[in-house]
Protein backbone atom coordinates (compact mmCIF):
# COMPACT_ATOMS: atom_id res chain seq x y z
CA ALA A 1 64.77 97.02 116.07
CA ALA A 2 64.42 100.83 117.22
CA VAL A 3 66.64 103.29 116.83
CA ASN A 4 66.59 106.58 118.51
CA SER A 5 66.25 109.61 116.01
CA ALA A 6 68.74 112.03 115.03
CA THR A 7 70.14 113.45 112.10
CA ASP A 8 72.13 110.21 111.19
CA PHE A 9 70.39 107.28 112.21
CA PRO A 10 72.96 104.37 112.99
CA ILE A 11 72.13 100.64 112.52
CA SER A 12 70.89 98.62 115.10
CA SER A 13 70.83 95.10 115.21
CA ALA A 14 68.65 92.30 116.84
CA ALA A 15 69.52 89.03 116.33
CA ASN A 16 70.08 88.34 112.47
CA VAL A 17 67.60 91.92 111.94
CA HIS A 18 69.44 94.93 110.97
CA SER A 19 67.75 98.01 110.29
CA PHE A 20 68.28 101.74 110.02
CA GLN A 21 65.51 104.51 111.03
CA MET A 22 64.34 107.48 108.64
CA PRO A 23 63.92 110.95 109.52
CA THR A 24 60.79 112.84 109.03
CA LEU A 25 60.93 113.03 105.53
CA THR A 26 61.14 117.21 104.23
CA THR A 27 60.83 116.50 100.12
CA GLY A 28 59.70 113.48 98.48
CA VAL A 29 58.23 110.16 99.67
CA THR A 30 59.69 106.67 99.99
CA ARG A 31 58.09 103.11 99.40
CA GLY A 32 59.68 100.39 102.00
CA LEU A 33 58.68 98.24 105.06
CA LEU A 34 56.97 99.35 108.38
CA THR A 35 58.47 97.08 110.87
CA SER A 36 59.16 97.59 114.85
CA ALA A 37 60.23 95.42 118.06
CA ALA A 38 57.26 93.88 118.15
CA GLN A 39 55.90 93.08 114.71
CA THR A 40 56.80 90.04 112.59
CA ILE A 41 56.33 90.64 108.96
CA PRO A 42 56.47 87.51 106.56
CA GLY A 43 58.50 87.78 103.04
CA VAL A 44 57.45 89.94 100.31
CA LYS A 45 58.12 89.46 96.93
CA THR A 46 56.52 92.45 95.46
CA PHE A 47 56.41 96.25 97.05
CA SER A 48 53.88 97.79 94.73
CA SER A 49 51.50 97.43 97.48
CA LEU A 50 53.50 98.72 100.12
CA PRO A 51 51.73 101.75 101.81
CA ILE A 52 53.74 105.37 101.18
CA LEU A 53 55.63 106.36 104.57
CA SER A 54 54.54 109.20 106.07
CA THR A 55 56.13 112.91 104.99
CA THR A 56 55.76 113.99 108.66
CA THR A 57 56.77 110.93 110.72
CA ALA A 58 59.81 109.22 111.25
CA HIS A 59 60.15 105.22 110.65
CA THR A 60 61.90 102.30 111.26
CA VAL A 61 62.77 100.54 107.64
CA LEU A 62 64.87 97.11 107.11
CA VAL A 63 67.12 96.68 105.00
CA GLY A 64 66.78 92.38 103.60
CA GLU A 65 64.01 90.06 103.29
CA ALA A 66 64.07 86.66 102.72
CA ALA A 67 60.86 84.37 101.85
CA SER A 68 59.40 83.49 104.85
CA ALA A 69 61.17 85.65 107.43
CA ILE A 70 62.87 89.20 107.61
CA VAL A 71 66.64 89.25 108.31
CA GLY A 72 69.86 91.49 108.37
CA VAL A 73 72.13 92.08 105.86
CA GLY A 74 75.48 90.42 107.21
CA PRO A 75 77.73 86.99 106.84
CA GLY A 76 75.62 84.62 105.24
CA THR A 77 72.19 86.42 104.19
CA THR A 78 70.25 84.43 101.83
CA GLY A 79 67.40 86.21 99.95
CA GLN A 80 66.96 89.47 99.17
CA CYS A 81 69.36 92.61 99.16
CA LEU A 82 67.90 96.16 98.85
CA ILE A 83 69.37 97.86 95.98
CA SER A 84 67.49 101.29 95.61
CA ASN A 85 65.21 103.22 97.72
CA GLY A 86 64.17 106.40 95.67
CA VAL A 87 62.27 109.35 96.41
CA SER A 88 58.64 107.75 95.42
CA LEU A 89 59.70 104.85 93.65
CA ASP A 90 58.94 101.28 94.83
CA PRO A 91 62.51 100.13 96.63
CA SER A 92 64.02 97.24 94.08
CA PHE A 93 65.50 94.14 95.44
CA GLN A 94 67.98 91.52 93.87
CA SER A 95 69.09 88.28 95.17
CA CYS A 96 72.39 87.92 97.11
CA ALA A 97 73.90 85.82 99.44
CA SER A 98 76.14 88.54 101.86
CA VAL A 99 76.97 92.14 101.50
CA LEU A 100 80.42 94.07 101.54
CA SER A 101 79.65 97.99 100.38
CA VAL A 102 77.49 100.66 99.74
CA SER A 103 77.32 103.68 97.37
CA ALA A 104 75.04 106.40 96.51
CA SER A 105 74.01 108.80 93.85
CA ASN A 106 71.27 111.87 94.71
CA SER A 107 68.38 109.47 95.08
CA SER A 108 69.77 105.61 95.05
CA LEU A 109 71.37 103.50 97.60
CA THR A 110 73.30 100.18 96.16
CA ILE A 111 74.68 96.98 97.88
CA SER A 112 76.86 94.96 96.54
CA PRO A 113 76.67 91.30 97.13
CA THR A 114 79.97 90.48 97.81
CA THR A 115 81.45 89.64 101.37
CA GLY A 116 79.59 90.45 104.49
CA ALA A 117 78.62 94.23 105.90
CA VAL A 118 75.94 96.03 107.51
CA LEU A 119 74.42 99.71 107.12
CA ALA A 120 75.00 101.89 109.61
CA SER A 121 72.79 104.81 108.38
CA LEU A 122 70.86 106.89 105.57
CA ASN A 123 70.09 110.80 105.93
CA LEU A 124 66.73 111.28 103.21
CA ALA A 125 66.64 114.79 104.67
CA ASN A 126 69.06 116.40 102.41
CA ALA A 127 67.54 114.50 98.66
CA ASN A 128 68.31 110.98 99.69
CA THR A 129 72.25 112.02 100.48
CA TRP A 130 73.94 108.32 101.98
CA THR A 131 75.75 109.55 105.02
CA GLY A 132 77.37 107.76 107.84
CA GLY A 133 79.77 104.78 108.26
CA GLN A 134 79.87 101.08 107.07
CA TYR A 135 80.04 98.55 109.62
CA PHE A 136 81.77 95.56 108.26
CA LYS A 137 81.58 92.22 109.19
CA GLY A 138 84.04 89.73 107.42
CA SER A 139 87.39 90.11 106.05
CA PRO A 140 89.40 92.24 105.32
CA TRP A 141 88.28 93.99 108.80
CA TYR A 142 85.90 92.87 111.57
CA ASP A 143 83.40 96.16 113.00
CA VAL A 144 82.67 95.53 117.02
CA LYS A 145 79.00 97.42 115.98
CA ALA A 146 78.65 94.56 113.17
CA TYR A 147 78.60 92.57 116.40
CA GLY A 148 76.18 93.75 118.79
CA ALA A 149 78.53 96.65 120.37
CA ILE A 150 76.94 100.19 120.93
CA GLY A 151 79.71 101.78 122.55
CA ASN A 152 77.98 104.67 124.22
CA GLY A 153 79.77 104.13 127.17
CA VAL A 154 76.50 102.53 128.89
CA ALA A 155 76.20 99.16 127.64
CA ASP A 156 77.82 96.15 128.19
CA ASP A 157 79.77 95.55 124.89
CA THR A 158 82.19 92.43 126.23
CA THR A 159 80.39 89.80 123.97
CA ALA A 160 79.92 92.02 120.96
CA ILE A 161 83.83 92.94 121.17
CA GLY A 162 84.73 89.04 122.04
CA SER A 163 82.88 87.94 119.08
CA ALA A 164 84.65 90.40 116.79
CA ILE A 165 87.44 89.20 118.13
CA THR A 166 87.13 85.52 117.62
CA ALA A 167 85.92 85.49 114.21
CA ALA A 168 89.19 88.06 113.04
CA CYS A 169 91.37 85.63 115.53
CA SER A 170 91.82 82.71 112.87
CA VAL A 171 92.08 84.64 109.65
CA SER A 172 94.43 87.70 111.16
CA GLY A 173 91.85 89.94 110.63
CA MET A 174 91.35 93.61 111.78
CA VAL A 175 88.68 94.43 114.99
CA TRP A 176 87.75 97.95 113.95
CA PHE A 177 86.16 100.31 116.76
CA PRO A 178 84.44 103.15 115.42
CA SER A 179 84.11 106.42 117.25
CA GLY A 180 82.12 105.80 121.02
CA THR A 181 83.76 104.09 124.11
CA TYR A 182 82.96 100.54 124.21
CA ASN A 183 81.90 98.97 128.07
CA THR A 184 83.68 95.63 128.68
CA THR A 185 84.93 93.19 131.13
CA GLY A 186 88.09 93.03 129.32
CA ASN A 187 90.01 88.96 129.76
CA TYR A 188 90.49 88.69 125.83
CA ASN A 189 92.93 85.63 125.22
CA LEU A 190 95.16 86.80 122.10
CA THR A 191 97.60 83.30 122.61
CA SER A 192 95.78 81.99 119.18
CA CYS A 193 95.59 85.56 117.29
CA ASN A 194 98.61 85.58 114.80
CA GLY A 195 98.33 89.01 112.93
CA ILE A 196 95.53 89.88 114.50
CA GLN A 197 94.91 93.99 114.88
CA ILE A 198 92.82 95.49 117.37
CA VAL A 199 92.22 99.31 115.87
CA GLY A 200 90.16 102.00 117.29
CA ALA A 201 89.59 105.37 114.94
CA GLY A 202 92.02 107.40 117.57
CA ALA A 203 93.41 107.61 120.23
CA ARG A 204 91.20 110.31 121.61
CA SER A 205 88.06 109.36 119.67
CA ILE A 206 87.46 105.60 121.11
CA PHE A 207 88.12 104.58 123.79
CA ILE A 208 87.65 100.78 125.57
CA GLN A 209 86.78 101.01 129.24
CA ILE A 210 87.15 98.52 131.62
CA THR A 211 84.58 97.95 133.98
CA HIS A 212 86.03 94.91 135.50
CA ALA A 213 88.23 95.39 138.77
CA SER A 214 91.14 93.39 138.30
CA ALA A 215 91.26 91.52 134.93
CA ASP A 216 93.62 92.19 132.40
CA LEU A 217 91.86 93.94 128.78
CA PHE A 218 94.17 92.03 126.60
CA PHE A 219 96.90 88.86 127.47
CA THR A 220 98.50 85.91 125.72
CA THR A 221 100.01 82.37 127.58
CA ASN A 222 102.25 81.21 124.85
CA THR A 223 104.39 82.65 122.03
CA VAL A 224 102.15 84.42 119.60
CA GLU A 225 102.99 87.00 116.40
CA GLY A 226 102.17 89.63 114.59
CA ILE A 227 99.82 91.25 117.14
CA GLU A 228 99.30 95.15 117.13
CA LEU A 229 97.12 97.04 118.81
CA ARG A 230 96.96 100.55 118.18
CA ASP A 231 94.84 104.42 117.81
CA PHE A 232 92.32 104.17 120.88
CA GLY A 233 92.51 104.67 124.39
CA VAL A 234 91.79 102.85 127.56
CA LYS A 235 90.15 103.85 130.74
CA SER A 236 87.83 102.65 133.60
CA GLY A 237 85.58 105.52 134.12
CA THR A 238 83.50 103.25 135.93
CA VAL A 239 84.97 101.30 138.18
CA LEU A 240 87.99 101.63 140.45
CA ARG A 241 90.89 98.95 139.33
CA THR A 242 92.82 97.16 141.65
CA GLY A 243 94.63 95.58 139.43
CA GLY A 244 95.55 94.11 136.36
CA TRP A 245 97.18 95.09 132.53
CA VAL A 246 95.83 96.82 129.96
CA PHE A 247 98.20 94.63 127.53
CA HIS A 248 100.10 91.19 129.43
CA VAL A 249 102.34 88.55 128.39
CA ASN A 250 101.45 85.75 131.03
CA THR A 251 104.05 83.62 130.60
CA ALA A 252 106.79 82.33 132.75
CA TYR A 253 110.18 82.91 132.67
CA SER A 254 111.14 78.89 131.83
CA GLY A 255 108.19 79.07 129.44
CA ASN A 256 108.97 80.15 126.35
CA GLY A 257 105.73 82.12 125.48
CA TYR A 258 107.56 84.82 123.54
CA LEU A 259 105.50 87.78 121.92
CA ARG A 260 106.75 88.30 118.38
CA ARG A 261 107.21 90.86 115.77
CA SER A 262 104.20 93.00 117.03
CA LYS A 263 103.26 96.36 117.50
CA PHE A 264 101.55 98.96 120.34
CA THR A 265 101.05 102.57 118.62
CA ASP A 266 99.11 105.63 119.60
CA LEU A 267 97.64 104.41 122.93
CA ASP A 268 95.94 106.45 125.09
CA ILE A 269 96.58 104.73 128.72
CA ARG A 270 93.97 106.24 131.85
CA ASP A 271 92.87 105.24 134.95
CA GLN A 272 94.71 102.17 135.26
CA VAL A 273 96.84 100.63 137.70
CA ASN A 274 99.07 99.27 135.54
CA GLY A 275 99.53 99.94 131.46
CA LEU A 276 101.57 97.06 129.48
CA TRP A 277 103.63 93.81 130.87
CA ILE A 278 105.96 92.39 127.82
CA ALA A 279 107.33 89.37 129.82
CA GLN A 280 108.98 87.60 126.83
CA TYR A 281 109.67 89.60 123.47
CA GLU A 282 111.43 89.17 120.27
CA PHE A 283 111.20 92.19 118.15
CA VAL A 284 108.53 94.51 119.57
CA ALA A 285 107.78 98.00 119.02
CA VAL A 286 106.30 100.27 121.44
CA ASP A 287 105.57 103.91 119.72
CA ARG A 288 103.79 107.18 121.36
CA ILE A 289 102.15 105.57 123.94
CA ILE A 290 100.78 107.91 126.26
CA GLY A 291 100.17 106.94 130.68
CA MET A 292 98.27 109.20 133.05
CA ASN A 293 95.36 109.08 135.60
CA TRP A 294 97.25 106.13 137.34
CA VAL A 295 94.84 104.63 140.18
CA GLY A 296 96.49 102.41 143.10
CA THR A 297 100.01 103.04 144.48
CA ASN A 298 101.57 99.90 143.58
CA GLY A 299 101.40 99.76 139.72
CA ILE A 300 103.67 100.12 137.04
CA GLY A 301 103.40 101.95 133.48
CA ILE A 302 105.49 99.80 130.98
CA LYS A 303 106.95 96.57 132.20
CA ILE A 304 109.58 94.43 130.21
CA GLY A 305 111.00 91.13 130.90
CA GLN A 306 110.76 89.39 134.44
CA THR A 307 112.34 87.75 137.52
CA THR A 308 114.36 84.55 136.46
CA ALA A 309 115.89 82.15 138.64
CA SER A 310 118.64 80.80 136.03
CA ASP A 311 120.40 82.15 132.67
CA ILE A 312 117.07 82.24 130.28
CA ASN A 313 116.92 85.21 128.41
CA GLN A 314 113.49 86.72 128.59
CA GLY A 315 113.52 88.72 125.11
CA SER A 316 115.20 90.71 122.68
CA GLU A 317 114.98 93.72 120.69
CA ILE A 318 112.21 95.60 121.96
CA TYR A 319 112.26 99.37 120.64
CA VAL A 320 110.43 102.30 122.64
CA ARG A 321 109.80 105.49 120.95
CA GLY A 322 107.98 108.37 121.82
CA VAL A 323 106.63 106.62 125.37
CA SER A 324 105.20 109.19 127.97
CA ILE A 325 104.32 107.81 131.36
CA TRP A 326 102.34 110.69 133.65
CA GLY A 327 102.76 109.12 137.09
CA ILE A 328 100.26 111.07 138.96
CA ASN A 329 95.66 110.63 139.46
CA ALA A 330 93.36 113.16 138.15
CA ALA A 331 93.88 115.10 141.45
CA SER A 332 97.96 115.76 139.76
CA THR A 333 98.83 113.30 143.22
CA PRO A 334 101.51 110.67 141.97
CA THR A 335 100.39 107.36 142.68
CA LEU A 336 102.11 105.33 139.70
CA GLN A 337 105.10 103.42 141.59
CA TYR A 338 107.12 102.45 138.95
CA GLY A 339 107.03 104.30 135.15
CA ILE A 340 109.41 102.03 132.96
CA TRP A 341 110.45 98.75 134.51
CA THR A 342 112.88 95.92 132.96
CA GLU A 343 114.04 93.29 134.62
CA ASP A 344 116.59 90.15 133.52
CA THR A 345 116.36 91.12 129.62
CA ASP A 346 118.27 91.88 126.73
CA ALA A 347 118.67 94.64 123.49
CA SER A 348 115.87 97.64 124.39
CA TYR A 349 116.42 100.66 122.66
CA PHE A 350 114.52 103.65 124.13
CA VAL A 351 114.30 107.08 122.27
CA ASN A 352 112.70 109.68 123.20
CA SER A 353 110.93 108.52 125.75
CA GLY A 354 110.49 108.37 129.72
CA CYS A 355 108.49 109.67 132.72
CA THR A 356 107.73 112.07 135.11
CA ALA A 357 106.13 112.43 139.02
CA THR A 358 106.37 108.73 140.11
CA ILE A 359 106.40 107.45 143.68
CA SER A 360 109.30 105.50 143.58
CA ASN A 361 111.61 105.39 140.29
CA CYS A 362 110.72 106.77 136.89
CA LEU A 363 113.25 103.90 135.34
CA ARG A 364 114.03 100.93 137.45
CA MET A 365 116.38 98.24 136.10
CA VAL A 366 116.80 95.13 137.81
CA ALA A 367 119.53 91.94 137.35
CA ASN A 368 118.76 89.05 139.61
CA ALA A 369 121.63 86.83 140.96
CA GLY A 370 121.20 83.66 139.61
CA GLY A 371 119.05 84.72 136.95
CA HIS A 372 119.90 86.37 133.15
CA PRO A 373 122.16 89.51 133.30
CA SER A 374 120.34 92.37 132.13
CA SER A 375 122.50 93.59 128.66
CA ASN A 376 122.45 96.24 125.83
CA HIS A 377 120.17 98.85 126.76
CA PHE A 378 120.38 101.76 125.13
CA PHE A 379 118.44 105.40 126.12
CA ASN A 380 119.28 108.40 123.90
CA GLY A 381 116.63 111.70 124.80
CA GLY A 382 115.26 109.85 127.69
CA LEU A 383 113.37 111.80 130.45
CA PHE A 384 113.47 110.03 134.28
CA ASP A 385 112.13 113.22 136.10
CA ALA A 386 110.45 114.05 139.34
CA THR A 387 109.78 111.40 142.72
CA VAL A 388 108.38 110.92 145.85
CA ALA A 389 110.61 108.27 147.30
CA GLY A 390 112.81 107.42 144.73
CA HIS A 391 115.67 107.59 142.27
CA SER A 392 114.92 109.05 139.12
CA ALA A 393 116.28 106.31 137.86
CA TYR A 394 117.87 103.16 139.48
CA ILE A 395 119.94 100.04 137.83
CA THR A 396 120.30 97.59 140.83
CA GLY A 397 119.94 93.66 141.73
CA GLY A 398 122.37 91.36 142.83
CA GLY A 399 123.10 90.24 139.16
CA LYS A 400 125.08 91.12 136.04
CA HIS A 401 124.06 94.57 134.26
CA GLN A 402 126.04 95.04 131.04
CA ASN A 403 126.50 97.13 127.95
CA TYR A 404 123.95 99.99 129.03
CA HIS A 405 124.27 103.29 127.34
CA PHE A 406 122.60 106.74 128.04
CA ASN A 407 123.00 109.44 125.79
CA SER A 408 121.21 112.90 126.03
CA SER A 409 119.09 112.38 128.78
CA ILE A 410 117.88 114.12 132.01
CA PHE A 411 117.86 112.52 135.41
CA TRP A 412 116.06 115.54 137.31
CA SER A 413 114.40 115.87 140.51
CA ALA A 414 114.86 112.64 142.41
CA GLY A 415 112.77 112.94 145.70
CA GLN A 416 111.12 116.48 144.95
CA LEU A 417 107.43 115.77 145.10
CA GLY A 418 108.47 114.21 148.82
CA THR A 419 109.62 115.00 152.01
CA SER A 420 112.11 113.11 153.21
CA GLY A 421 114.65 110.86 152.23
CA THR A 422 117.96 111.46 149.88
CA TRP A 423 117.63 110.23 146.33
CA ASN A 424 119.89 110.30 143.27
CA GLY A 425 119.18 111.34 140.04
CA LEU A 426 121.00 108.26 138.37
CA ARG A 427 121.76 105.21 141.11
CA ILE A 428 123.64 102.28 139.64
CA ASP A 429 124.18 99.82 142.97
CA ALA A 430 124.41 96.85 141.50
CA GLY A 431 126.12 93.31 141.85
CA THR A 432 128.54 93.37 138.74
CA ILE A 433 128.47 96.41 136.30
CA GLY A 434 130.56 96.38 132.76
CA ARG A 435 130.64 98.13 129.50
CA MET A 436 128.45 101.39 130.89
CA THR A 437 128.70 104.39 129.15
CA ILE A 438 126.89 108.05 130.27
CA ASN A 439 127.34 110.86 127.75
CA GLY A 440 126.13 114.47 127.11
CA SER A 441 123.41 114.18 130.13
CA SER A 442 122.13 116.11 133.00
CA PHE A 443 121.28 115.74 136.60
CA SER A 444 119.85 118.63 138.28
CA GLY A 445 117.61 119.29 141.24
CA SER A 446 118.23 116.07 143.21
CA SER A 447 117.68 115.83 146.95
CA GLY A 448 120.36 113.44 146.95
CA SER A 449 123.97 113.13 144.65
CA GLY A 450 123.12 113.54 140.77
CA LEU A 451 124.76 110.29 139.73
CA TYR A 452 125.95 107.52 142.56
CA ILE A 453 128.00 104.59 141.15
CA SER A 454 128.07 101.51 143.73
CA THR A 455 129.16 98.00 143.04
CA THR A 456 130.60 95.22 144.89
CA SER A 457 132.10 93.06 142.59
CA ALA A 458 135.62 93.02 141.68
CA ALA A 459 134.91 92.98 138.08
CA GLY A 460 134.88 96.77 138.62
CA ALA A 461 132.93 99.68 137.04
CA LEU A 462 134.58 100.88 133.96
CA ILE A 463 132.34 103.55 133.25
CA PRO A 464 133.25 106.41 130.53
CA ILE A 465 131.55 109.41 132.04
CA SER A 466 131.90 112.33 129.45
CA GLY A 467 130.10 115.64 128.39
CA ASN A 468 127.62 115.81 131.19
CA PHE A 469 125.44 118.92 133.65
CA PHE A 470 125.49 118.83 136.82
CA GLN A 471 123.86 121.70 138.80
CA ASP A 472 121.76 121.81 142.63
CA ASN A 473 122.37 118.31 143.56
CA GLY A 474 122.52 117.51 147.44
CA TRP A 475 119.71 119.96 148.09
CA ARG A 476 118.46 117.76 151.28
CA GLN A 477 121.69 118.13 152.77
CA THR A 478 122.67 114.84 154.07
CA ALA A 479 126.01 114.07 154.70
CA GLY A 480 128.21 111.48 152.35
CA ASP A 481 125.21 111.86 149.36
CA ARG A 482 125.22 115.75 148.40
CA PHE A 483 127.78 115.41 145.18
CA GLY A 484 127.54 115.93 141.86
CA ILE A 485 129.00 112.55 141.33
CA TYR A 486 129.80 109.99 144.11
CA VAL A 487 131.86 106.40 142.82
CA ASN A 488 131.81 103.59 145.58
CA ILE A 489 133.86 100.54 144.35
CA PRO A 490 135.62 97.89 146.16
CA VAL A 491 139.58 98.44 146.13
CA ASN A 492 142.02 97.95 143.15
CA THR A 493 139.21 97.74 140.95
CA SER A 494 138.87 99.86 138.11
CA GLY A 495 136.30 102.69 138.29
CA PRO A 496 135.03 105.10 136.11
CA ILE A 497 136.69 107.37 133.41
CA ILE A 498 135.13 110.91 134.11
CA THR A 499 136.48 113.40 131.89
CA GLY A 500 134.30 116.76 130.22
CA ASN A 501 131.82 117.34 132.50
CA VAL A 502 130.72 120.42 133.68
CA GLU A 503 129.81 121.28 137.64
CA VAL A 504 127.45 124.23 139.47
CA GLY A 505 126.13 125.14 142.21
CA GLY A 506 126.46 121.54 144.61
CA SER A 507 128.37 124.49 146.95
CA ASN A 508 125.39 125.94 147.83
CA TYR A 509 124.57 122.74 149.74
CA GLY A 510 127.86 121.86 151.59
CA GLY A 511 128.31 119.41 148.84
CA TYR A 512 130.88 119.05 146.21
CA SER A 513 131.32 118.41 142.66
CA ILE A 514 133.04 114.94 142.98
CA SER A 515 133.70 112.38 145.64
CA ASN A 516 134.67 108.64 146.19
CA SER A 517 134.55 106.41 149.21
CA ALA A 518 138.08 105.36 150.94
CA THR A 519 138.34 102.21 148.55
CA SER A 520 138.02 104.42 145.19
CA LEU A 521 141.00 104.35 144.31
CA TYR A 522 141.45 103.23 140.40
CA MET A 523 139.28 106.09 138.55
CA VAL A 524 140.53 108.76 135.53
CA VAL A 525 139.44 112.44 136.09
CA THR A 526 140.34 114.73 133.89
CA GLY A 527 139.35 118.22 132.12
CA ASN A 528 136.41 118.45 133.81
CA ARG A 529 135.01 121.88 135.53
CA TRP A 530 134.24 121.63 138.74
CA VAL A 531 132.66 124.78 140.24
CA SER A 532 131.68 123.24 143.22
CA GLY A 533 135.59 121.58 143.89
CA THR A 534 136.33 118.16 144.59
CA ASN A 535 136.21 115.96 147.91
CA TYR A 536 138.41 112.41 147.83
CA ALA A 537 138.87 110.29 150.38
CA VAL A 538 141.78 108.94 148.57
CA THR A 539 143.10 110.38 145.35
CA PRO A 540 142.28 108.81 142.37
CA ALA A 541 144.42 107.79 139.42
CA VAL A 542 144.60 110.53 136.94
């Protein structure tokens, strides 16, 4: 099997034949086997009669042979494996079943006959120094190139990647992607692959390029544990995506199909409609994900949970750290509808994560009436900034939201990228709200009020709001929604405790630092610095 000439020569595989090509030799000569795609060479026992390879011509050289036919070096190989290929020396072989590793000195190449591998490249232009990588085809990891992947951004690597995943799946192995761009139609089912790792050489060094318009890249349909995806990029430069997810936990809300003890780390997601949808989960970590260059106009960067029609929890314990979702396309136009979406689920922890430049909400948290309450969500260092036509962060739905905590977070510029509508930095517009705190955060530059709190439940909105900063909200000057803080709760219902906050600049747009509806009586407001003044429809309890 021929390969292209280069300084280092990658392995080329055809069925079970694996070969590398020598460059033109500048010093010395070497003996070996000559072949091409059109030739069949029977097995040989001695090599002293083989021709000396030309010092001026590049040659393809096989790395293994058997008694009756040329074979490749891989799992299950029988016959002879190359031990040394020295300058001006006969090559030497030994009997082996398969190989795992190679080592090299200045003039020899050594193969250890253990568990499977194929060789990557041999550069003889520099005194027979072995260079290049090794393509592993057995435990502990499974190199996609050992299964026939090319990684040049042109060839279809779908089958090769699938073969590597299948081999690794049953043994909790690592599927390895060397540097390159791997075209695939995706649709890889990891449901039975407990402990599998899909690993690349770096998020900017290797891209899995999805060539199907709407298929998921990876998905699960039932409970699976220990999946890890890390250190690779995903893009779709050769096809316009219309749907699908990079990873999708595809289970019904009552299906008990949990993703457990799994990790998504150092991924670069581009050219997609959607990113990750983790519908059901237990103890999942999402770390250092970057998403941008989105296509379509109705996608979601990261979705956690799903719509429920009864009190069935969709998950517990998901950790989102260092995640950055940019809702723009390649022309810097907002095209992502929602950055982060949680729904009817429990226990999420967001640290130094967020999104910017979405069409609608950067953060959307939903609790459906009759579904499982949305509970126990913690945000520390969140960024929710710049929308076209939506609140930067939106807590909504007819169900119950409880035990939310926002600390040191940013809620900025709702509506800044659009031309109409009045949108809030953080809007809480829900059926029932309980045990929620908003501390040490910044609300600035939104077209409507910075913080808007509304509930229809007599259970109230007992929310401590303290130590926050409000500036220049309400610039679209819509009557009734141009304040630092606006509170709308039912009569005789406990409202928020508002203390130690600072507001400046709202009066520039005819608004006030704080305002409330005619039913919002039972609030505690004390110790704040209201530069723009107050506008109470009724005087709150202080």
